[in-house]
C-alpha cells in the first residue's frame, strides 16, 4: 500500500488550540460551559457561509443578554473570548516533515475570519491549501463537506489521509472512501502519520517512492472511456474505468470517473510516466492522483 499523496487535517484541536473559557466565564459571572454552549448553538449559519463572523459573535452577545448579562458586560465577555489561539508546535513539526513527502491541506469548520487567523499565526505559509466550511457552504460532519473539499483540492479519496480530533468527523470521512483517523492528541496524530509512511521514522507501509497505480480522474464518463481506449491501444494496463467513490452511489450526474493505470507501454510503473498522464488529463479538464 503506497503512502497517501494528500494529508487533510482538521485545524482546531489538531494544529491549533485555545486556552480554556473558564477564567473568562468566572470573570463575567457566567456558569462554566456557557460560552461553548451558546457559540456552538449559533455557529451554523457562519460556518456554512450564510453569515459573517461578526454577525455570529453579535448573536452570541445577544444571547448572553437574554441569559441575564448586561449588554456592555456581554460585549466585553465576547471580546475577551474572541482569541486567535495558538499553534500546537509539536503538531506543526509533523506537518513540516509530512510536506517533504506529500501535500498538506486544512479542512476546517470555520467562519470568514479563518484567513485572518491563519495569517496571524503564520499557518497560511505552513500548508499547501486551506478549505473552509464557510467557503464550501457545508460543514463537517456532512459527507458533502468532504466531497466538495476534495473537488476543490482535485484529489481522490483513495489517496487521502484525514485526521480530526472529532471521532464523528473521521467516521463521516470514511463513508466516502477516505482513510480517516480520530486523532484526539499528539501521540495519535504521530501514529497515524508514521504508520502510513508520511514521516521519516522508517515506519509505515509505504513511501513516496512506492510504485503503485495512478488514477486518471475525469468528470465525464465518455471522456474517461475514450481516454481508457486510447491508453489501452498504446499498451497501458489495466485501463479499468469505474465511478469514483467521491460521489454518492446514485449521484451519476456529479460523479467523477476514474481510469486506473498500473503499467505503462514499456512495462515500467505508471508513476514513471506521470507527466504524460497529467498532460492527457489536462485535455479533458481532469487530474492525476495516486
Protein backbone atom coordinates (compact mmCIF):
# COMPACT_ATOMS: atom_id res chain seq x y z
CA UNK A 1 0.00 0.00 0.00
CA UNK A 2 1.52 3.32 -1.04
CA UNK A 3 1.59 6.34 1.25
CA UNK A 4 -1.18 8.95 0.92
CA UNK A 5 -0.47 11.77 -1.51
CA UNK A 6 -2.67 14.23 0.41
CA UNK A 7 -2.86 14.80 4.16
CA UNK A 8 -6.10 16.58 5.04
CA UNK A 9 -6.04 18.00 8.57
CA UNK A 10 -8.61 19.47 10.88
CA UNK A 11 -7.36 22.73 12.40
CA UNK A 12 -8.72 23.24 15.91
CA UNK A 13 -7.67 20.54 18.31
CA UNK A 14 -5.08 19.20 15.86
CA UNK A 15 -2.90 22.12 14.77
CA UNK A 16 -4.35 24.97 16.86
CA UNK A 17 -5.60 25.18 20.43
CA UNK A 18 -7.34 27.79 22.56
CA UNK A 19 -6.93 28.47 26.27
CA UNK A 20 -9.90 27.38 28.42
CA UNK A 21 -13.01 29.52 28.59
CA UNK A 22 -13.34 29.03 32.36
CA UNK A 23 -11.37 32.08 33.51
CA UNK A 24 -13.37 34.34 31.18
CA UNK A 25 -16.67 32.88 32.36
CA UNK A 26 -15.61 33.27 36.00
CA UNK A 27 -14.61 36.86 35.39
CA UNK A 28 -18.01 37.75 33.94
CA UNK A 29 -20.13 35.68 36.31
CA UNK A 30 -21.14 33.12 33.69
CA UNK A 31 -21.66 29.45 34.51
CA UNK A 32 -18.85 27.25 33.25
CA UNK A 33 -19.55 26.00 29.73
CA UNK A 34 -21.82 28.91 28.78
CA UNK A 35 -19.60 30.33 26.03
CA UNK A 36 -19.11 26.98 24.32
CA UNK A 37 -22.80 26.10 24.58
CA UNK A 38 -24.04 29.41 23.19
CA UNK A 39 -21.41 29.84 20.50
CA UNK A 40 -21.74 26.32 19.07
CA UNK A 41 -25.53 26.53 19.10
CA UNK A 42 -25.40 29.69 16.99
CA UNK A 43 -22.42 28.87 14.75
CA UNK A 44 -24.26 27.01 11.97
CA UNK A 45 -25.00 29.92 9.58
CA UNK A 46 -21.48 31.35 9.91
CA UNK A 47 -19.68 28.04 9.38
CA UNK A 48 -21.86 27.38 6.33
CA UNK A 49 -21.10 30.81 4.85
CA UNK A 50 -24.58 32.23 5.35
CA UNK A 51 -23.49 34.79 7.97
CA UNK A 52 -20.27 36.64 8.75
CA UNK A 53 -18.07 36.05 11.74
CA UNK A 54 -19.12 39.40 13.20
CA UNK A 55 -22.80 38.53 12.78
CA UNK A 56 -22.21 35.29 14.62
CA UNK A 57 -20.43 36.99 17.51
CA UNK A 58 -23.19 39.60 17.67
CA UNK A 59 -25.71 36.76 18.02
CA UNK A 60 -23.63 35.32 20.87
CA UNK A 61 -23.66 38.72 22.60
CA UNK A 62 -27.42 38.96 22.21
CA UNK A 63 -27.95 35.51 23.66
CA UNK A 64 -25.80 36.31 26.67
CA UNK A 65 -28.01 39.35 27.27
CA UNK A 66 -31.09 37.11 27.03
CA UNK A 67 -29.49 34.88 29.67
CA UNK A 68 -29.07 37.81 32.05
CA UNK A 69 -25.77 39.53 31.30
CA UNK A 70 -25.98 43.35 30.87
CA UNK A 71 -25.29 44.40 27.25
CA UNK A 72 -21.96 46.09 27.98
CA UNK A 73 -20.77 43.10 30.01
CA UNK A 74 -21.90 40.73 27.24
CA UNK A 75 -19.92 42.71 24.68
CA UNK A 76 -16.83 42.64 26.90
CA UNK A 77 -17.21 38.91 27.52
CA UNK A 78 -17.37 38.12 23.80
CA UNK A 79 -14.42 40.44 23.13
CA UNK A 80 -12.36 38.61 25.74
CA UNK A 81 -13.42 35.26 24.29
CA UNK A 82 -12.52 36.29 20.71
CA UNK A 83 -8.99 34.96 20.52
CA UNK A 84 -6.70 33.80 17.71
CA UNK A 85 -5.49 30.77 19.63
CA UNK A 86 -2.01 29.30 19.42
CA UNK A 87 -0.21 26.83 17.21
CA UNK A 88 0.44 23.36 18.61
CA UNK A 89 4.17 23.38 17.99
CA UNK A 90 4.78 19.62 18.04
CA UNK A 91 1.96 19.08 15.52
CA UNK A 92 3.39 21.79 13.26
CA UNK A 93 6.73 19.99 13.32
CA UNK A 94 4.97 16.90 11.98
CA UNK A 95 3.29 18.92 9.24
CA UNK A 96 6.66 20.27 8.12
CA UNK A 97 8.01 16.74 7.90
CA UNK A 98 4.99 15.46 6.02
CA UNK A 99 5.18 18.28 3.46
CA UNK A 100 8.50 16.84 2.29
CA UNK A 101 6.55 13.79 1.17
CA UNK A 102 3.06 14.92 0.14
CA UNK A 103 0.62 17.83 0.02
CA UNK A 104 -0.92 19.03 3.27
CA UNK A 105 -4.26 20.87 3.37
CA UNK A 106 -6.55 22.08 6.13
CA UNK A 107 -10.29 21.35 6.23
CA UNK A 108 -11.84 23.41 8.99
CA UNK A 109 -15.34 24.23 10.17
CA UNK A 110 -14.72 27.96 10.27
CA UNK A 111 -16.17 31.39 9.62
CA UNK A 112 -14.91 34.01 7.19
CA UNK A 113 -12.41 35.04 9.87
CA UNK A 114 -10.23 31.97 9.18
CA UNK A 115 -7.80 33.58 6.67
CA UNK A 116 -7.01 36.37 9.16
CA UNK A 117 -6.37 33.90 11.97
CA UNK A 118 -4.10 31.71 9.85
CA UNK A 119 -2.11 34.71 8.67
CA UNK A 120 -1.73 35.97 12.25
CA UNK A 121 -0.48 32.54 13.35
CA UNK A 122 1.74 32.07 10.31
CA UNK A 123 -0.08 28.86 9.41
CA UNK A 124 -1.05 30.12 5.96
CA UNK A 125 2.59 29.54 4.99
CA UNK A 126 2.79 26.10 6.58
CA UNK A 127 0.24 24.24 4.44
CA UNK A 128 -0.38 23.86 0.73
CA UNK A 129 -4.09 24.69 0.77
CA UNK A 130 -6.89 25.73 3.10
CA UNK A 131 -10.52 24.67 2.67
CA UNK A 132 -13.07 26.37 4.91
CA UNK A 133 -16.63 25.22 5.52
CA UNK A 134 -17.71 28.84 5.09
CA UNK A 135 -16.43 28.73 1.51
CA UNK A 136 -17.78 25.24 0.83
CA UNK A 137 -21.26 26.09 2.11
CA UNK A 138 -21.43 22.96 4.25
CA UNK A 139 -19.67 21.86 7.43
CA UNK A 140 -18.29 18.61 8.80
CA UNK A 141 -19.52 16.00 9.61
CA UNK A 142 -21.64 16.13 6.47
CA UNK A 143 -20.08 13.80 3.87
CA UNK A 144 -20.79 16.53 1.34
CA UNK A 145 -18.17 18.72 3.05
CA UNK A 146 -15.53 16.12 2.26
CA UNK A 147 -16.76 15.62 -1.31
CA UNK A 148 -16.61 19.35 -2.00
CA UNK A 149 -13.24 19.73 -0.31
CA UNK A 150 -11.70 17.01 -2.46
CA UNK A 151 -13.17 18.59 -5.59
CA UNK A 152 -11.58 21.90 -4.62
CA UNK A 153 -8.27 20.13 -4.00
CA UNK A 154 -8.65 17.98 -7.14
CA UNK A 155 -7.82 14.83 -5.25
CA UNK A 156 -9.20 11.34 -4.90
CA UNK A 157 -10.45 9.85 -1.61
CA UNK A 158 -8.27 6.79 -2.11
CA UNK A 159 -5.06 8.83 -1.89
CA UNK A 160 -6.16 10.95 1.06
CA UNK A 161 -5.49 10.65 4.80
CA UNK A 162 -7.76 12.77 7.02
CA UNK A 163 -7.06 13.45 10.71
CA UNK A 164 -9.53 15.10 13.09
CA UNK A 165 -9.83 15.30 16.87
CA UNK A 166 -13.58 14.68 16.49
CA UNK A 167 -14.40 10.99 16.00
CA UNK A 168 -17.72 11.80 14.30
CA UNK A 169 -15.94 13.80 11.60
CA UNK A 170 -13.47 10.98 11.00
CA UNK A 171 -16.29 8.47 10.64
CA UNK A 172 -18.08 10.75 8.15
CA UNK A 173 -14.94 10.98 6.02
CA UNK A 174 -14.67 7.20 5.91
CA UNK A 175 -18.15 6.95 4.39
CA UNK A 176 -16.83 8.42 1.12
CA UNK A 177 -13.71 6.28 0.97
CA UNK A 178 -11.16 8.47 2.77
CA UNK A 179 -8.66 6.87 5.12
CA UNK A 180 -9.68 8.84 8.21
CA UNK A 181 -8.26 8.66 11.73
CA UNK A 182 -9.51 10.05 15.02
CA UNK A 183 -6.51 11.94 16.45
CA UNK A 184 -7.51 13.48 19.79
CA UNK A 185 -3.90 14.12 20.85
CA UNK A 186 -0.35 14.36 19.56
CA UNK A 187 0.57 10.67 20.04
CA UNK A 188 -2.46 9.63 17.99
CA UNK A 189 -1.54 12.08 15.23
CA UNK A 190 2.06 10.90 15.19
CA UNK A 191 0.98 7.27 14.97
CA UNK A 192 -1.47 7.98 12.14
CA UNK A 193 1.22 9.69 10.07
CA UNK A 194 4.09 7.35 10.89
CA UNK A 195 2.10 4.17 10.25
CA UNK A 196 1.25 5.42 6.76
CA UNK A 197 4.81 6.24 5.80
CA UNK A 198 4.47 10.02 5.97
CA UNK A 199 7.27 10.64 8.46
CA UNK A 200 10.98 9.95 8.25
CA UNK A 201 10.84 7.42 11.07
CA UNK A 202 11.32 4.38 8.90
CA UNK A 203 7.85 3.27 9.99
CA UNK A 204 4.90 2.51 7.78
CA UNK A 205 3.75 0.51 4.83
CA UNK A 206 4.55 2.95 2.05
CA UNK A 207 6.71 5.81 0.92
CA UNK A 208 6.65 8.50 -1.75
CA UNK A 209 8.82 6.30 -3.95
CA UNK A 210 6.49 3.31 -3.76
CA UNK A 211 5.47 2.28 -7.26
CA UNK A 212 1.70 1.97 -7.31
CA UNK A 213 -1.15 2.64 -9.69
CA UNK A 214 -2.09 6.11 -10.82
CA UNK A 215 -5.66 7.27 -11.22
CA UNK A 216 -6.71 9.43 -14.15
CA UNK A 217 -9.75 11.29 -12.77
CA UNK A 218 -12.15 12.81 -15.32
CA UNK A 219 -15.51 14.46 -14.85
CA UNK A 220 -17.29 12.87 -17.82
CA UNK A 221 -17.84 9.16 -18.35
CA UNK A 222 -17.47 9.37 -22.13
CA UNK A 223 -14.15 11.19 -21.72
CA UNK A 224 -12.92 8.52 -19.30
CA UNK A 225 -13.88 5.70 -21.67
CA UNK A 226 -12.26 7.48 -24.63
CA UNK A 227 -9.05 8.06 -22.65
CA UNK A 228 -9.04 4.42 -21.49
CA UNK A 229 -9.35 3.19 -25.09
CA UNK A 230 -6.52 5.45 -26.20
CA UNK A 231 -4.26 4.27 -23.39
CA UNK A 232 -5.12 0.59 -23.88
CA UNK A 233 -4.30 0.83 -27.58
CA UNK A 234 -0.95 2.36 -26.63
CA UNK A 235 -0.16 -0.58 -24.35
CA UNK A 236 -1.20 0.65 -20.90
CA UNK A 237 -2.86 -1.65 -18.37
CA UNK A 238 -5.26 -2.30 -16.79
CA UNK A 239 -7.17 0.79 -18.08
CA UNK A 240 -10.19 -0.08 -15.95
CA UNK A 241 -12.89 2.61 -15.77
CA UNK A 242 -15.04 2.95 -12.68
CA UNK A 243 -17.08 5.58 -10.89
CA UNK A 244 -15.17 7.48 -8.22
CA UNK A 245 -16.44 6.96 -4.68
CA UNK A 246 -16.17 10.72 -4.27
CA UNK A 247 -19.77 10.82 -5.49
CA UNK A 248 -22.74 9.04 -3.95
CA UNK A 249 -23.77 5.73 -5.46
CA UNK A 250 -26.83 7.21 -7.11
CA UNK A 251 -25.28 10.57 -7.96
CA UNK A 252 -24.45 9.84 -11.59
CA UNK A 253 -24.57 13.43 -12.76
CA UNK A 254 -21.93 14.62 -10.27
CA UNK A 255 -19.74 11.51 -10.32
CA UNK A 256 -16.11 11.60 -11.34
CA UNK A 257 -14.82 8.73 -13.47
CA UNK A 258 -11.50 7.05 -12.82
CA UNK A 259 -9.17 5.24 -15.20
CA UNK A 260 -6.87 3.02 -13.14
CA UNK A 261 -3.38 2.60 -14.59
CA UNK A 262 -0.65 0.35 -13.20
CA UNK A 263 1.83 -0.33 -16.01
CA UNK A 264 2.96 1.75 -18.98
CA UNK A 265 3.72 0.51 -22.51
CA UNK A 266 7.37 -0.03 -21.56
CA UNK A 267 6.40 -2.24 -18.57
CA UNK A 268 7.54 0.48 -16.17
CA UNK A 269 5.20 1.62 -13.35
CA UNK A 270 2.59 4.18 -14.31
CA UNK A 271 4.21 6.60 -11.85
CA UNK A 272 7.24 6.79 -14.16
CA UNK A 273 5.01 8.43 -16.78
CA UNK A 274 3.13 10.82 -14.53
CA UNK A 275 3.95 13.88 -16.65
CA UNK A 276 2.49 12.29 -19.79
CA UNK A 277 -0.67 11.29 -17.92
CA UNK A 278 -1.09 14.76 -16.44
CA UNK A 279 -0.88 16.21 -19.96
CA UNK A 280 -3.57 13.78 -21.08
CA UNK A 281 -5.74 14.64 -18.06
CA UNK A 282 -5.42 18.33 -18.90
CA UNK A 283 -7.00 17.73 -22.31
CA UNK A 284 -10.14 16.57 -20.52
CA UNK A 285 -10.03 19.09 -17.65
CA UNK A 286 -9.19 16.27 -15.25
CA UNK A 287 -6.29 15.42 -12.96
CA UNK A 288 -3.99 12.58 -11.89
CA UNK A 289 -3.69 11.21 -8.37
CA UNK A 290 -2.21 8.22 -6.58
